[in-house]
Amino acid sequence: MSEQVLDEWQIALQQKKRELQACQQEQQVISCSQCEKLLSCELRDAYVKAVYDSMNKGTGGGFEF
């Protein structure tokens, strides 16, 4: 049985995800894109930053598409 050990970046991401989901429930939406506060939402911005940080483990840099 393998047990996943979470690093600090994954823990932060999980916390931000819970906060975002709680906000979505409060606003009665299933996606942030349905929310009128989408473009000015600090909570969503913090979640996106946590996603990027968990992907690059805080080493900075950007993502190029």
N, C-alpha and C. Protein backbone atom coordinates (compact mmCIF):
# COMPACT_ATOMS: atom_id res chain seq x y z
N MET A 1 0.84 -1.17 0.00
CA MET A 1 0.00 0.00 0.00
C MET A 1 0.89 1.24 0.00
N SER A 2 0.72 2.12 -1.00
CA SER A 2 1.56 3.31 -1.06
C SER A 2 0.84 4.49 -0.42
N GLU A 3 1.60 5.22 0.36
CA GLU A 3 1.05 6.39 1.04
C GLU A 3 1.69 7.63 0.45
N GLN A 4 0.86 8.55 -0.02
CA GLN A 4 1.38 9.76 -0.63
C GLN A 4 1.74 10.77 0.46
N VAL A 5 2.94 11.27 0.37
CA VAL A 5 3.40 12.30 1.30
C VAL A 5 3.25 13.64 0.59
N LEU A 6 2.52 14.54 1.21
CA LEU A 6 2.29 15.84 0.61
C LEU A 6 3.37 16.82 1.03
N ASP A 7 3.85 17.59 0.06
CA ASP A 7 4.81 18.64 0.41
C ASP A 7 4.05 19.93 0.73
N GLU A 8 4.77 20.94 1.13
CA GLU A 8 4.14 22.19 1.55
C GLU A 8 3.32 22.83 0.43
N TRP A 9 3.74 22.64 -0.82
CA TRP A 9 3.04 23.24 -1.96
C TRP A 9 1.70 22.55 -2.20
N GLN A 10 1.69 21.23 -2.05
CA GLN A 10 0.45 20.47 -2.23
C GLN A 10 -0.54 20.75 -1.10
N ILE A 11 -0.03 20.91 0.10
CA ILE A 11 -0.89 21.22 1.25
C ILE A 11 -1.54 22.59 1.04
N ALA A 12 -0.74 23.57 0.61
CA ALA A 12 -1.28 24.91 0.35
C ALA A 12 -2.33 24.86 -0.76
N LEU A 13 -2.07 24.08 -1.79
CA LEU A 13 -3.02 23.94 -2.89
C LEU A 13 -4.34 23.34 -2.41
N GLN A 14 -4.27 22.31 -1.59
CA GLN A 14 -5.49 21.69 -1.07
C GLN A 14 -6.30 22.69 -0.24
N GLN A 15 -5.62 23.51 0.56
CA GLN A 15 -6.30 24.51 1.38
C GLN A 15 -7.01 25.53 0.50
N LYS A 16 -6.31 26.03 -0.51
CA LYS A 16 -6.91 27.03 -1.41
C LYS A 16 -8.09 26.42 -2.19
N LYS A 17 -7.96 25.16 -2.55
CA LYS A 17 -9.05 24.49 -3.26
C LYS A 17 -10.30 24.40 -2.38
N ARG A 18 -10.10 24.04 -1.11
CA ARG A 18 -11.24 23.98 -0.18
C ARG A 18 -11.90 25.34 -0.02
N GLU A 19 -11.08 26.39 0.09
CA GLU A 19 -11.61 27.74 0.22
C GLU A 19 -12.40 28.14 -1.02
N LEU A 20 -11.88 27.82 -2.18
CA LEU A 20 -12.56 28.15 -3.44
C LEU A 20 -13.88 27.40 -3.56
N GLN A 21 -13.88 26.12 -3.22
CA GLN A 21 -15.11 25.33 -3.28
C GLN A 21 -16.15 25.85 -2.30
N ALA A 22 -15.72 26.28 -1.13
CA ALA A 22 -16.65 26.84 -0.15
C ALA A 22 -17.28 28.13 -0.70
N CYS A 23 -16.48 28.94 -1.36
CA CYS A 23 -16.98 30.17 -1.95
C CYS A 23 -17.99 29.85 -3.06
N GLN A 24 -17.67 28.86 -3.89
CA GLN A 24 -18.59 28.47 -4.97
C GLN A 24 -19.92 28.02 -4.39
N GLN A 25 -19.89 27.28 -3.31
CA GLN A 25 -21.14 26.85 -2.66
C GLN A 25 -21.90 28.06 -2.13
N GLU A 26 -21.18 28.97 -1.51
CA GLU A 26 -21.81 30.17 -0.96
C GLU A 26 -22.46 31.02 -2.06
N GLN A 27 -21.78 31.11 -3.21
CA GLN A 27 -22.30 31.89 -4.32
C GLN A 27 -23.30 31.10 -5.17
N GLN A 28 -23.47 29.82 -4.85
CA GLN A 28 -24.38 28.92 -5.55
C GLN A 28 -24.03 28.79 -7.03
N VAL A 29 -22.74 28.55 -7.31
CA VAL A 29 -22.25 28.30 -8.65
C VAL A 29 -21.42 27.02 -8.63
N ILE A 30 -21.30 26.38 -9.78
CA ILE A 30 -20.46 25.18 -9.84
C ILE A 30 -19.12 25.47 -10.50
N SER A 31 -18.94 26.70 -10.97
CA SER A 31 -17.70 27.11 -11.60
C SER A 31 -17.49 28.60 -11.37
N CYS A 32 -16.26 29.00 -11.20
CA CYS A 32 -15.96 30.42 -11.03
C CYS A 32 -16.39 31.23 -12.25
N SER A 33 -16.38 30.61 -13.41
CA SER A 33 -16.76 31.34 -14.62
C SER A 33 -18.22 31.78 -14.60
N GLN A 34 -19.01 31.21 -13.71
CA GLN A 34 -20.42 31.59 -13.57
C GLN A 34 -20.61 32.72 -12.56
N CYS A 35 -19.55 33.12 -11.91
CA CYS A 35 -19.63 34.12 -10.84
C CYS A 35 -19.37 35.51 -11.40
N GLU A 36 -20.14 36.48 -10.95
CA GLU A 36 -19.98 37.86 -11.41
C GLU A 36 -18.68 38.49 -10.92
N LYS A 37 -18.05 37.90 -9.92
CA LYS A 37 -16.81 38.44 -9.35
C LYS A 37 -15.56 37.83 -9.99
N LEU A 38 -15.71 37.06 -11.03
CA LEU A 38 -14.63 36.30 -11.64
C LEU A 38 -13.35 37.12 -11.87
N LEU A 39 -13.47 38.24 -12.51
CA LEU A 39 -12.28 39.00 -12.91
C LEU A 39 -11.63 39.77 -11.77
N SER A 40 -12.32 39.93 -10.67
CA SER A 40 -11.75 40.68 -9.55
C SER A 40 -11.64 39.83 -8.28
N CYS A 41 -11.69 38.52 -8.41
CA CYS A 41 -11.72 37.63 -7.25
C CYS A 41 -10.31 37.32 -6.74
N GLU A 42 -10.02 37.81 -5.55
CA GLU A 42 -8.71 37.55 -4.94
C GLU A 42 -8.57 36.08 -4.53
N LEU A 43 -9.67 35.45 -4.13
CA LEU A 43 -9.63 34.05 -3.73
C LEU A 43 -9.25 33.16 -4.91
N ARG A 44 -9.85 33.42 -6.06
CA ARG A 44 -9.53 32.64 -7.26
C ARG A 44 -8.09 32.90 -7.70
N ASP A 45 -7.65 34.14 -7.62
CA ASP A 45 -6.26 34.46 -7.96
C ASP A 45 -5.28 33.71 -7.05
N ALA A 46 -5.61 33.62 -5.76
CA ALA A 46 -4.76 32.90 -4.81
C ALA A 46 -4.74 31.41 -5.13
N TYR A 47 -5.88 30.87 -5.58
CA TYR A 47 -5.94 29.46 -5.96
C TYR A 47 -5.07 29.20 -7.19
N VAL A 48 -5.18 30.06 -8.19
CA VAL A 48 -4.38 29.89 -9.41
C VAL A 48 -2.89 29.97 -9.07
N LYS A 49 -2.52 30.90 -8.19
CA LYS A 49 -1.11 30.99 -7.77
C LYS A 49 -0.68 29.72 -7.06
N ALA A 50 -1.54 29.16 -6.22
CA ALA A 50 -1.22 27.92 -5.51
C ALA A 50 -1.04 26.76 -6.48
N VAL A 51 -1.82 26.74 -7.55
CA VAL A 51 -1.67 25.70 -8.58
C VAL A 51 -0.30 25.83 -9.23
N TYR A 52 0.06 27.04 -9.67
CA TYR A 52 1.37 27.26 -10.28
C TYR A 52 2.50 26.90 -9.31
N ASP A 53 2.38 27.34 -8.06
CA ASP A 53 3.42 27.04 -7.07
C ASP A 53 3.56 25.55 -6.84
N SER A 54 2.44 24.82 -6.83
CA SER A 54 2.53 23.37 -6.60
C SER A 54 3.17 22.67 -7.80
N MET A 55 3.02 23.26 -8.98
CA MET A 55 3.60 22.65 -10.17
C MET A 55 5.11 22.89 -10.26
N ASN A 56 5.55 24.08 -9.82
CA ASN A 56 6.98 24.37 -9.92
C ASN A 56 7.68 24.40 -8.56
N LYS A 57 6.95 23.97 -7.54
CA LYS A 57 7.49 23.87 -6.17
C LYS A 57 8.10 25.19 -5.69
N GLY A 58 7.48 26.29 -6.12
CA GLY A 58 7.90 27.59 -5.63
C GLY A 58 9.17 28.13 -6.24
N THR A 59 9.67 27.51 -7.30
CA THR A 59 10.92 27.98 -7.90
C THR A 59 10.73 29.19 -8.79
N GLY A 60 9.50 29.60 -8.97
CA GLY A 60 9.22 30.79 -9.78
C GLY A 60 9.16 30.45 -11.26
N GLY A 61 9.22 31.49 -12.05
CA GLY A 61 9.13 31.29 -13.49
C GLY A 61 7.68 31.30 -13.94
N GLY A 62 7.50 31.21 -15.19
CA GLY A 62 6.16 31.25 -15.76
C GLY A 62 5.88 30.00 -16.58
N PHE A 63 4.72 30.01 -17.12
CA PHE A 63 4.34 28.90 -17.99
C PHE A 63 4.15 29.45 -19.39
N GLU A 64 4.76 28.84 -20.35
CA GLU A 64 4.67 29.28 -21.73
C GLU A 64 3.82 28.31 -22.50
N PHE A 65 2.91 28.87 -23.28
CA PHE A 65 2.01 28.03 -24.06
C PHE A 65 2.32 28.16 -25.53
